[in-house]
N, C-alpha and C. Protein backbone atom coordinates (compact mmCIF):
# COMPACT_ATOMS: atom_id res chain seq x y z
N MET A 1 14.34 -29.49 -30.60
CA MET A 1 13.55 -29.09 -29.49
C MET A 1 12.59 -27.96 -29.69
N THR A 2 11.37 -27.85 -29.95
CA THR A 2 10.99 -26.82 -29.85
C THR A 2 10.77 -25.77 -29.58
N SER A 3 9.90 -24.00 -29.25
CA SER A 3 10.12 -22.95 -28.61
C SER A 3 9.19 -23.54 -27.09
N GLU A 4 8.12 -23.28 -27.66
CA GLU A 4 7.19 -24.41 -27.19
C GLU A 4 8.02 -25.45 -24.93
N GLU A 5 9.03 -26.57 -25.95
CA GLU A 5 9.42 -27.38 -25.04
C GLU A 5 10.20 -26.62 -24.44
N LYS A 6 11.26 -26.33 -25.09
CA LYS A 6 12.39 -24.99 -23.83
C LYS A 6 11.97 -24.06 -23.23
N LEU A 7 10.53 -23.23 -23.26
CA LEU A 7 9.89 -22.71 -21.94
C LEU A 7 9.13 -23.48 -21.51
N LEU A 8 8.92 -24.74 -21.72
CA LEU A 8 8.54 -25.77 -20.54
C LEU A 8 9.60 -26.15 -19.69
N LYS A 9 10.81 -25.89 -20.43
CA LYS A 9 12.24 -26.70 -19.59
C LYS A 9 12.55 -26.15 -18.74
N TYR A 10 12.38 -24.79 -19.19
CA TYR A 10 12.91 -23.83 -18.85
C TYR A 10 12.28 -23.11 -16.84
N ILE A 11 10.34 -23.46 -17.45
CA ILE A 11 9.84 -23.05 -16.15
C ILE A 11 9.89 -23.99 -15.27
N LYS A 12 9.96 -25.54 -15.37
CA LYS A 12 10.27 -26.78 -14.68
C LYS A 12 11.42 -26.59 -13.94
N ASN A 13 12.75 -25.63 -14.48
CA ASN A 13 13.76 -25.88 -13.92
C ASN A 13 14.24 -24.37 -13.07
N LYS A 14 13.31 -23.66 -13.48
CA LYS A 14 13.01 -22.54 -13.14
C LYS A 14 12.25 -22.60 -11.21
N ARG A 15 10.65 -23.73 -11.67
CA ARG A 15 10.15 -23.97 -10.22
C ARG A 15 10.92 -24.64 -9.43
N LYS A 16 11.89 -25.31 -10.17
CA LYS A 16 12.86 -26.40 -9.05
C LYS A 16 14.10 -25.25 -8.26
N GLU A 17 14.13 -24.84 -8.96
CA GLU A 17 15.80 -23.37 -8.44
C GLU A 17 14.75 -23.05 -6.81
N ILE A 18 13.48 -22.49 -7.51
CA ILE A 18 12.70 -21.29 -6.30
C ILE A 18 12.28 -22.69 -4.92
N LYS A 19 12.15 -24.09 -5.64
CA LYS A 19 11.52 -24.51 -4.29
C LYS A 19 12.69 -25.04 -3.67
N ASP A 20 14.09 -25.65 -3.83
CA ASP A 20 14.80 -25.76 -3.18
C ASP A 20 15.38 -24.62 -2.91
N ASN A 21 15.96 -23.20 -3.49
CA ASN A 21 16.95 -22.45 -2.82
C ASN A 21 16.02 -21.48 -1.03
N PHE A 22 14.12 -21.43 -1.90
CA PHE A 22 13.70 -20.40 -0.71
C PHE A 22 12.12 -21.23 -0.26
N ASN A 23 11.83 -22.54 -0.89
CA ASN A 23 10.91 -23.23 -0.15
C ASN A 23 9.92 -22.60 -0.35
N ARG A 24 9.48 -22.41 -1.96
CA ARG A 24 8.22 -21.64 -2.01
C ARG A 24 7.61 -22.00 -3.84
N HIS A 25 6.40 -21.90 -3.95
CA HIS A 25 5.33 -21.45 -5.04
C HIS A 25 5.62 -20.33 -5.53
N VAL A 26 5.94 -20.08 -6.36
CA VAL A 26 5.34 -18.84 -7.18
C VAL A 26 4.50 -18.46 -8.13
N SER A 27 3.85 -17.64 -9.20
CA SER A 27 3.49 -17.89 -10.21
C SER A 27 4.39 -17.31 -10.94
N ILE A 28 4.11 -18.06 -12.66
CA ILE A 28 4.77 -18.27 -13.65
C ILE A 28 5.12 -16.58 -13.53
N GLN A 29 4.50 -16.00 -14.05
CA GLN A 29 4.51 -14.50 -13.83
C GLN A 29 5.73 -13.82 -12.73
N ASP A 30 5.54 -14.79 -11.62
CA ASP A 30 6.52 -13.54 -10.43
C ASP A 30 7.58 -14.52 -10.82
N MET A 31 7.71 -15.68 -11.28
CA MET A 31 8.92 -16.83 -11.50
C MET A 31 9.64 -15.83 -12.64
N LEU A 32 9.17 -15.56 -13.46
CA LEU A 32 9.97 -14.83 -14.33
C LEU A 32 10.04 -13.67 -14.49
N SER A 33 10.10 -12.92 -13.27
CA SER A 33 10.48 -11.31 -13.66
C SER A 33 10.84 -11.47 -11.38
N ASP A 34 11.78 -9.96 -12.04
CA ASP A 34 12.53 -10.05 -10.58
C ASP A 34 11.28 -8.37 -9.43
N ARG A 35 11.18 -8.56 -8.60
CA ARG A 35 10.23 -7.84 -7.72
C ARG A 35 11.25 -6.54 -7.22
N TRP A 36 12.64 -6.77 -7.28
CA TRP A 36 13.64 -5.96 -7.17
C TRP A 36 13.09 -4.56 -8.18
N GLU A 37 13.87 -5.51 -9.08
CA GLU A 37 13.58 -4.64 -10.69
C GLU A 37 12.91 -3.92 -11.52
N THR A 38 10.91 -4.50 -10.88
CA THR A 38 9.76 -4.13 -10.67
C THR A 38 9.71 -2.54 -9.97
N ALA A 39 10.36 -2.69 -8.29
CA ALA A 39 9.81 -2.21 -8.06
C ALA A 39 10.44 -0.42 -8.29
N LYS A 40 12.11 -1.00 -8.43
CA LYS A 40 12.71 -0.24 -9.49
C LYS A 40 12.47 1.22 -10.60
N PHE A 41 11.87 -0.27 -11.77
CA PHE A 41 11.10 0.97 -12.73
C PHE A 41 9.61 1.66 -12.24
N TYR A 42 9.06 1.39 -11.16
CA TYR A 42 8.82 2.37 -11.61
C TYR A 42 8.53 3.78 -10.21
N GLY A 43 9.66 3.30 -9.77
CA GLY A 43 10.38 4.99 -8.71
C GLY A 43 10.78 4.33 -7.52
N PHE A 44 10.52 3.03 -6.75
CA PHE A 44 10.41 2.67 -5.37
C PHE A 44 11.33 2.91 -4.37
N GLY A 45 11.47 3.58 -3.82
CA GLY A 45 12.98 3.12 -3.17
C GLY A 45 13.79 2.21 -2.78
N GLU A 46 15.31 2.73 -2.67
CA GLU A 46 16.06 1.66 -2.71
C GLU A 46 15.98 0.26 -1.81
N GLY A 47 15.80 -1.10 -2.40
CA GLY A 47 15.81 -2.28 -1.24
C GLY A 47 14.72 -2.12 -1.15
N SER A 48 12.82 -1.64 -1.34
CA SER A 48 12.01 -1.86 -2.27
C SER A 48 11.46 -3.83 -3.04
N SER A 49 10.49 -3.95 -2.64
CA SER A 49 10.10 -5.54 -4.34
C SER A 49 8.71 -5.45 -3.83
N CYS A 50 8.57 -5.38 -5.29
CA CYS A 50 6.57 -5.28 -5.48
C CYS A 50 6.78 -6.74 -6.52
N TYR A 51 6.01 -7.29 -6.53
CA TYR A 51 5.66 -9.14 -7.29
C TYR A 51 5.11 -8.03 -8.71
N ASN A 52 5.10 -8.84 -9.11
CA ASN A 52 4.81 -8.76 -10.66
C ASN A 52 3.20 -8.34 -10.73
N ASN A 53 2.55 -9.28 -10.94
CA ASN A 53 0.98 -9.27 -10.26
C ASN A 53 0.20 -8.06 -9.50
N VAL A 54 0.89 -7.22 -9.36
CA VAL A 54 0.51 -5.87 -8.55
C VAL A 54 0.13 -5.07 -9.76
N LEU A 55 -1.38 -4.65 -9.04
CA LEU A 55 -2.06 -3.48 -9.98
C LEU A 55 -1.39 -2.33 -9.01
N ILE A 56 -0.88 -1.72 -10.04
CA ILE A 56 -0.82 -0.45 -10.15
C ILE A 56 -0.73 0.78 -11.26
N LEU A 57 -1.71 1.94 -10.63
CA LEU A 57 -2.38 3.00 -10.95
C LEU A 57 -1.87 4.33 -10.00
N GLY A 58 -1.38 5.37 -11.55
CA GLY A 58 -1.36 6.90 -11.03
C GLY A 58 -0.15 7.22 -10.89
N LYS A 59 0.33 7.85 -9.66
CA LYS A 59 1.25 8.48 -9.29
C LYS A 59 1.01 7.65 -7.85
N VAL A 60 2.09 6.32 -7.04
CA VAL A 60 2.49 5.85 -6.19
C VAL A 60 3.99 6.24 -6.31
N LYS A 61 4.11 6.64 -4.64
CA LYS A 61 5.69 6.84 -4.15
C LYS A 61 5.68 5.88 -2.93
N ALA A 62 7.39 5.29 -3.32
CA ALA A 62 7.13 4.06 -2.40
C ALA A 62 8.54 4.69 -1.67
N GLY A 63 8.78 4.89 -0.65
CA GLY A 63 10.52 4.51 -0.25
C GLY A 63 11.13 3.79 0.19
N GLN A 64 12.10 3.54 0.99
CA GLN A 64 12.84 2.45 1.12
C GLN A 64 12.01 1.37 1.36
N ASN A 65 13.23 -0.26 1.67
CA ASN A 65 12.62 -1.11 2.00
C ASN A 65 11.07 -1.25 2.10
N VAL A 66 10.30 -1.41 0.93
CA VAL A 66 9.26 -1.24 1.28
C VAL A 66 8.79 -3.24 0.53
N TRP A 67 8.26 -3.54 1.57
CA TRP A 67 7.56 -5.71 0.65
C TRP A 67 6.34 -4.60 0.33
N ILE A 68 5.70 -5.36 -0.80
CA ILE A 68 4.47 -5.12 -1.96
C ILE A 68 4.35 -6.74 -1.59
N GLY A 69 3.59 -7.35 -0.95
CA GLY A 69 2.99 -9.19 -1.41
C GLY A 69 2.28 -8.75 -2.44
N PRO A 70 1.95 -9.90 -3.35
CA PRO A 70 1.65 -10.57 -4.53
C PRO A 70 -0.20 -10.03 -4.18
N ASN A 71 -0.67 -9.50 -6.01
CA ASN A 71 -1.82 -9.69 -5.48
C ASN A 71 -2.67 -8.43 -5.26
N VAL A 72 -2.12 -7.30 -4.98
CA VAL A 72 -2.05 -5.95 -4.53
C VAL A 72 -2.73 -4.98 -4.87
N ILE A 73 -3.85 -4.26 -5.01
CA ILE A 73 -3.71 -2.57 -5.66
C ILE A 73 -3.27 -1.46 -5.24
N LEU A 74 -2.70 -0.49 -6.27
CA LEU A 74 -2.19 0.03 -5.51
C LEU A 74 -2.37 1.39 -6.48
N ASP A 75 -3.74 2.03 -5.43
CA ASP A 75 -4.17 3.12 -6.57
C ASP A 75 -3.44 4.68 -6.38
N GLY A 76 -2.84 5.27 -7.35
CA GLY A 76 -2.41 6.00 -7.65
C GLY A 76 -3.42 7.41 -7.91
N SER A 77 -4.40 7.09 -8.58
CA SER A 77 -5.23 8.05 -8.86
C SER A 77 -5.06 9.36 -8.44
N GLY A 78 -5.97 9.87 -7.45
CA GLY A 78 -5.70 10.56 -6.37
C GLY A 78 -3.84 10.78 -5.45
N GLY A 79 -3.01 10.17 -6.12
CA GLY A 79 -2.00 10.28 -5.16
C GLY A 79 -2.09 9.28 -4.04
N LEU A 80 -0.56 9.05 -4.33
CA LEU A 80 -0.26 7.50 -3.39
C LEU A 80 1.24 7.42 -2.69
N GLU A 81 1.23 7.78 -1.19
CA GLU A 81 2.28 7.85 -0.72
C GLU A 81 2.90 7.10 -0.12
N ILE A 82 3.82 6.07 0.18
CA ILE A 82 4.14 4.93 0.81
C ILE A 82 5.84 5.39 1.69
N GLY A 83 5.57 5.70 2.80
CA GLY A 83 7.06 5.49 3.90
C GLY A 83 7.69 4.14 3.42
N ASP A 84 8.58 4.50 4.47
CA ASP A 84 10.02 3.45 4.38
C ASP A 84 9.34 2.71 5.39
N TYR A 85 10.12 1.10 5.07
CA TYR A 85 10.49 0.19 5.49
C TYR A 85 8.56 -0.20 5.90
N VAL A 86 8.33 -0.49 4.89
CA VAL A 86 6.37 -0.73 5.13
C VAL A 86 6.21 -2.22 4.76
N SER A 87 5.95 -2.86 4.64
CA SER A 87 4.92 -4.24 4.52
C SER A 87 3.56 -4.06 4.30
N ILE A 88 3.29 -4.22 2.34
CA ILE A 88 1.75 -4.86 2.37
C ILE A 88 1.47 -6.12 2.04
N SER A 89 0.65 -6.45 3.29
CA SER A 89 0.19 -8.02 2.81
C SER A 89 0.01 -8.14 1.26
N PRO A 90 0.30 -9.48 0.95
CA PRO A 90 -1.07 -10.21 -0.20
C PRO A 90 -2.82 -9.93 -0.05
N GLY A 91 -2.50 -8.56 -0.97
CA GLY A 91 -4.86 -8.70 -1.16
C GLY A 91 -4.80 -7.24 -1.01
N VAL A 92 -3.50 -6.66 -0.31
CA VAL A 92 -4.00 -5.70 0.55
C VAL A 92 -4.54 -4.61 -0.16
N GLN A 93 -5.14 -3.36 -0.92
CA GLN A 93 -5.53 -2.63 -1.63
C GLN A 93 -5.84 -1.28 -1.09
N ILE A 94 -4.89 -0.26 -1.92
CA ILE A 94 -5.34 1.09 -0.87
C ILE A 94 -6.10 2.60 -1.96
N TYR A 95 -6.89 2.58 -2.04
CA TYR A 95 -7.68 3.53 -2.44
C TYR A 95 -7.31 4.33 -2.65
N THR A 96 -6.94 5.60 -3.61
CA THR A 96 -7.39 6.99 -3.75
C THR A 96 -7.83 7.50 -4.52
N HIS A 97 -8.84 7.43 -4.94
CA HIS A 97 -10.55 7.71 -5.64
C HIS A 97 -11.84 6.61 -5.32
N GLN A 98 -12.92 7.36 -4.73
CA GLN A 98 -13.81 6.17 -5.19
C GLN A 98 -15.35 6.95 -6.58
N THR A 99 -16.07 6.09 -6.60
CA THR A 99 -16.76 6.85 -7.63
C THR A 99 -18.05 5.84 -6.89
N VAL A 100 -18.67 6.08 -5.87
CA VAL A 100 -20.33 5.91 -5.34
C VAL A 100 -20.92 7.40 -6.01
N LYS A 101 -20.67 8.38 -5.89
CA LYS A 101 -21.24 9.64 -6.02
C LYS A 101 -21.61 9.72 -8.18
N TRP A 102 -20.69 9.29 -8.34
CA TRP A 102 -20.23 9.81 -9.86
C TRP A 102 -21.23 8.49 -10.26
N SER A 103 -21.68 7.60 -9.74
CA SER A 103 -22.02 5.87 -10.31
C SER A 103 -23.39 6.56 -9.87
N ASN A 104 -23.62 6.86 -8.12
CA ASN A 104 -25.87 6.76 -8.35
C ASN A 104 -26.02 8.74 -8.65
N SER A 105 -24.91 9.24 -9.34
CA SER A 105 -25.32 10.46 -10.26
C SER A 105 -25.69 10.42 -11.75
N MET A 106 -25.82 9.34 -11.81
CA MET A 106 -26.03 8.77 -13.35
C MET A 106 -24.57 9.41 -14.47
N GLY A 107 -23.19 10.05 -13.51
CA GLY A 107 -22.31 10.48 -14.35
C GLY A 107 -22.06 12.20 -14.19
N SER A 108 -23.52 12.43 -13.57
CA SER A 108 -23.20 14.25 -13.12
C SER A 108 -22.21 14.41 -12.21
N LYS A 109 -22.55 13.70 -11.69
CA LYS A 109 -21.12 13.73 -10.39
C LYS A 109 -19.77 13.65 -11.04
N PRO A 110 -19.47 14.31 -10.24
CA PRO A 110 -16.98 14.10 -10.61
C PRO A 110 -16.62 12.49 -10.39
N ILE A 111 -15.88 11.97 -10.32
CA ILE A 111 -15.36 10.69 -9.69
C ILE A 111 -14.38 11.79 -8.62
N GLU A 112 -14.29 11.14 -7.07
CA GLU A 112 -13.64 12.03 -6.18
C GLU A 112 -12.41 11.35 -5.94
N ARG A 113 -11.26 12.30 -5.20
CA ARG A 113 -10.21 11.77 -5.20
C ARG A 113 -9.07 12.53 -4.23
N GLN A 114 -8.53 11.49 -3.39
CA GLN A 114 -7.25 12.02 -2.33
C GLN A 114 -7.07 11.43 -2.48
N THR A 115 -5.72 11.96 -1.77
CA THR A 115 -4.05 11.87 -1.31
C THR A 115 -4.39 10.31 -0.56
N THR A 116 -3.81 9.37 -0.46
CA THR A 116 -3.61 8.53 0.85
C THR A 116 -2.31 8.40 1.16
N ILE A 117 -1.87 8.63 2.58
CA ILE A 117 -0.98 8.22 2.83
C ILE A 117 -0.50 7.36 3.97
N ILE A 118 0.61 6.58 3.55
CA ILE A 118 1.48 5.48 4.57
C ILE A 118 2.01 6.03 5.38
N GLY A 119 2.08 6.32 6.84
CA GLY A 119 3.67 6.51 7.35
C GLY A 119 4.92 5.50 7.19
N ASN A 120 5.74 5.72 7.70
CA ASN A 120 7.48 4.85 7.45
C ASN A 120 7.22 3.74 9.19
N GLY A 121 7.26 2.45 8.67
CA GLY A 121 7.29 1.60 9.79
C GLY A 121 5.65 1.22 9.44
N VAL A 122 5.54 0.92 8.99
CA VAL A 122 4.02 0.55 9.09
C VAL A 122 3.86 -1.00 8.67
N TYR A 123 2.52 -1.73 9.49
CA TYR A 123 2.13 -2.75 8.62
C TYR A 123 0.98 -3.64 7.79
N ILE A 124 0.89 -3.50 7.09
CA ILE A 124 -0.32 -3.71 6.75
C ILE A 124 -1.26 -5.53 6.63
N GLY A 125 -1.90 -5.73 6.97
CA GLY A 125 -2.77 -7.05 7.31
C GLY A 125 -2.96 -7.67 6.25
N PRO A 126 -3.27 -9.17 5.41
CA PRO A 126 -3.66 -9.44 4.11
C PRO A 126 -4.89 -8.75 4.44
N ASN A 127 -5.34 -8.65 3.21
CA ASN A 127 -6.63 -8.50 2.75
C ASN A 127 -6.89 -7.02 3.31
N SER A 128 -6.11 -6.46 3.63
CA SER A 128 -6.78 -5.23 4.35
C SER A 128 -7.62 -4.09 3.02
N VAL A 129 -8.70 -3.05 3.55
CA VAL A 129 -8.96 -2.25 2.65
C VAL A 129 -8.53 -0.55 3.44
N ILE A 130 -7.61 0.33 2.12
CA ILE A 130 -7.51 1.57 3.07
C ILE A 130 -8.22 2.17 1.87
N GLN A 131 -8.85 3.06 2.23
CA GLN A 131 -9.80 4.07 1.51
C GLN A 131 -8.71 5.23 1.85
N MET A 132 -9.66 6.10 -0.14
CA MET A 132 -8.71 7.34 -0.11
C MET A 132 -9.35 8.35 1.02
N GLY A 133 -8.03 8.43 0.91
CA GLY A 133 -7.70 10.23 2.63
C GLY A 133 -7.25 9.80 3.35
N VAL A 134 -7.12 8.54 3.47
CA VAL A 134 -6.90 8.28 5.03
C VAL A 134 -5.52 7.92 5.25
N ARG A 135 -4.93 9.03 6.16
CA ARG A 135 -3.45 9.20 6.95
C ARG A 135 -3.10 7.77 7.34
N VAL A 136 -1.90 6.58 7.50
CA VAL A 136 -1.79 5.76 7.90
C VAL A 136 -0.97 5.92 8.79
N GLY A 137 -0.44 6.40 10.29
CA GLY A 137 0.80 6.88 11.05
C GLY A 137 1.69 6.30 10.81
N ASP A 138 3.04 6.80 11.40
CA ASP A 138 4.19 5.33 11.10
C ASP A 138 3.98 4.23 12.74
N LYS A 139 4.67 3.68 12.15
CA LYS A 139 4.55 2.01 13.08
C LYS A 139 3.17 1.98 13.53
N ALA A 140 2.07 1.95 12.33
CA ALA A 140 0.60 1.73 12.80
C ALA A 140 0.65 0.24 12.26
N ILE A 141 0.15 -1.17 12.88
CA ILE A 141 0.11 -1.56 12.35
C ILE A 141 -1.74 -2.02 12.07
N ILE A 142 -2.48 -2.60 10.60
CA ILE A 142 -3.45 -2.74 10.08
C ILE A 142 -3.56 -4.24 10.26
N GLY A 143 -4.50 -5.10 11.26
CA GLY A 143 -4.55 -6.30 11.64
C GLY A 143 -5.22 -7.29 9.57
N ALA A 144 -4.84 -8.02 9.88
CA ALA A 144 -5.67 -8.93 8.71
C ALA A 144 -7.18 -8.02 8.08
N MET A 145 -7.29 -8.68 7.11
CA MET A 145 -8.50 -7.88 7.07
C MET A 145 -9.82 -6.58 7.21
N SER A 146 -8.87 -5.82 7.41
CA SER A 146 -9.47 -5.11 8.20
C SER A 146 -10.03 -3.55 6.73
N PHE A 147 -10.92 -3.00 7.65
CA PHE A 147 -11.46 -2.20 6.72
C PHE A 147 -10.69 -0.40 7.13
N VAL A 148 -10.42 0.38 6.70
CA VAL A 148 -9.53 1.59 7.28
C VAL A 148 -10.42 2.85 6.68
N ASN A 149 -11.17 3.14 6.90
CA ASN A 149 -12.23 4.59 6.31
C ASN A 149 -11.59 5.78 7.81
N LYS A 150 -10.51 5.92 8.55
CA LYS A 150 -10.71 6.73 8.86
C LYS A 150 -9.06 6.64 9.19
N ASP A 151 -8.57 8.31 9.74
CA ASP A 151 -7.16 8.37 10.08
C ASP A 151 -6.24 7.11 11.15
N VAL A 152 -5.32 6.77 10.95
CA VAL A 152 -4.69 5.48 12.31
C VAL A 152 -3.57 6.47 12.22
N PRO A 153 -3.49 6.97 13.72
CA PRO A 153 -2.61 7.22 14.17
C PRO A 153 -1.43 6.52 14.76
N ASN A 154 -0.04 7.52 14.82
CA ASN A 154 1.17 7.13 14.85
C ASN A 154 1.36 5.88 15.76
N ASN A 155 1.62 4.48 15.83
CA ASN A 155 2.33 3.40 17.20
C ASN A 155 1.06 2.44 17.50
N SER A 156 -0.21 3.41 16.74
CA SER A 156 -1.42 2.72 17.25
C SER A 156 -2.27 0.99 16.42
N LYS A 157 -2.45 0.71 16.87
CA LYS A 157 -3.45 -0.78 15.70
C LYS A 157 -4.83 -0.41 15.25
N TRP A 158 -5.14 -0.68 14.20
CA TRP A 158 -6.28 -1.41 13.55
C TRP A 158 -6.49 -1.99 13.19
N TYR A 159 -8.08 -3.09 13.49
CA TYR A 159 -8.11 -4.25 13.44
C TYR A 159 -9.46 -4.30 12.91
N GLY A 160 -10.01 -4.12 11.79
CA GLY A 160 -11.24 -5.15 11.62
C GLY A 160 -12.21 -3.89 11.26
N LYS A 161 -13.34 -3.78 11.60
CA LYS A 161 -14.01 -2.23 10.85
C LYS A 161 -13.34 -1.22 11.85
N SER A 162 -13.96 0.05 10.42
CA SER A 162 -13.76 1.22 10.94
C SER A 162 -14.02 1.47 12.01
N LEU A 163 -13.57 2.59 12.68
CA LEU A 163 -14.36 3.18 14.59
C LEU A 163 -15.19 3.92 13.69
N LYS A 164 -16.19 4.49 14.56
CA LYS A 164 -17.16 5.81 13.85
C LYS A 164 -16.81 6.95 15.28
């Protein structure tokens, strides 16, 4: 059996195992990696998991029992802090920098960076975007496909676009 045939057989068996045990399908990349080991590798807290296809930039600190779904962007280039028991749904983008002024000034102005903080017990719905410098308070709920560019108080709900 060639190496390619062995790999294809392994993938087929692994796919069946995941379907039988969890009734789900994941990418080959995530099939071959361990979400808890990935989180541990990045120094995230005990019990946290992070899909292998998450883009992690810069300094990202995550607490205990954090779930980071697939296709997430965690931009820690300006410092990103994530509390305990946070659920970050698929497709979420959390930023700590922006290049608007840098681009518009043709590079004469610097890239802006600000720390973004996600509190404890926060739920962030699928495909939401959190801008740099935002603080999401404890136990806040961010609805799916929300754009967050202002601080979100503790125990509050944020759905849709930003408050003015």
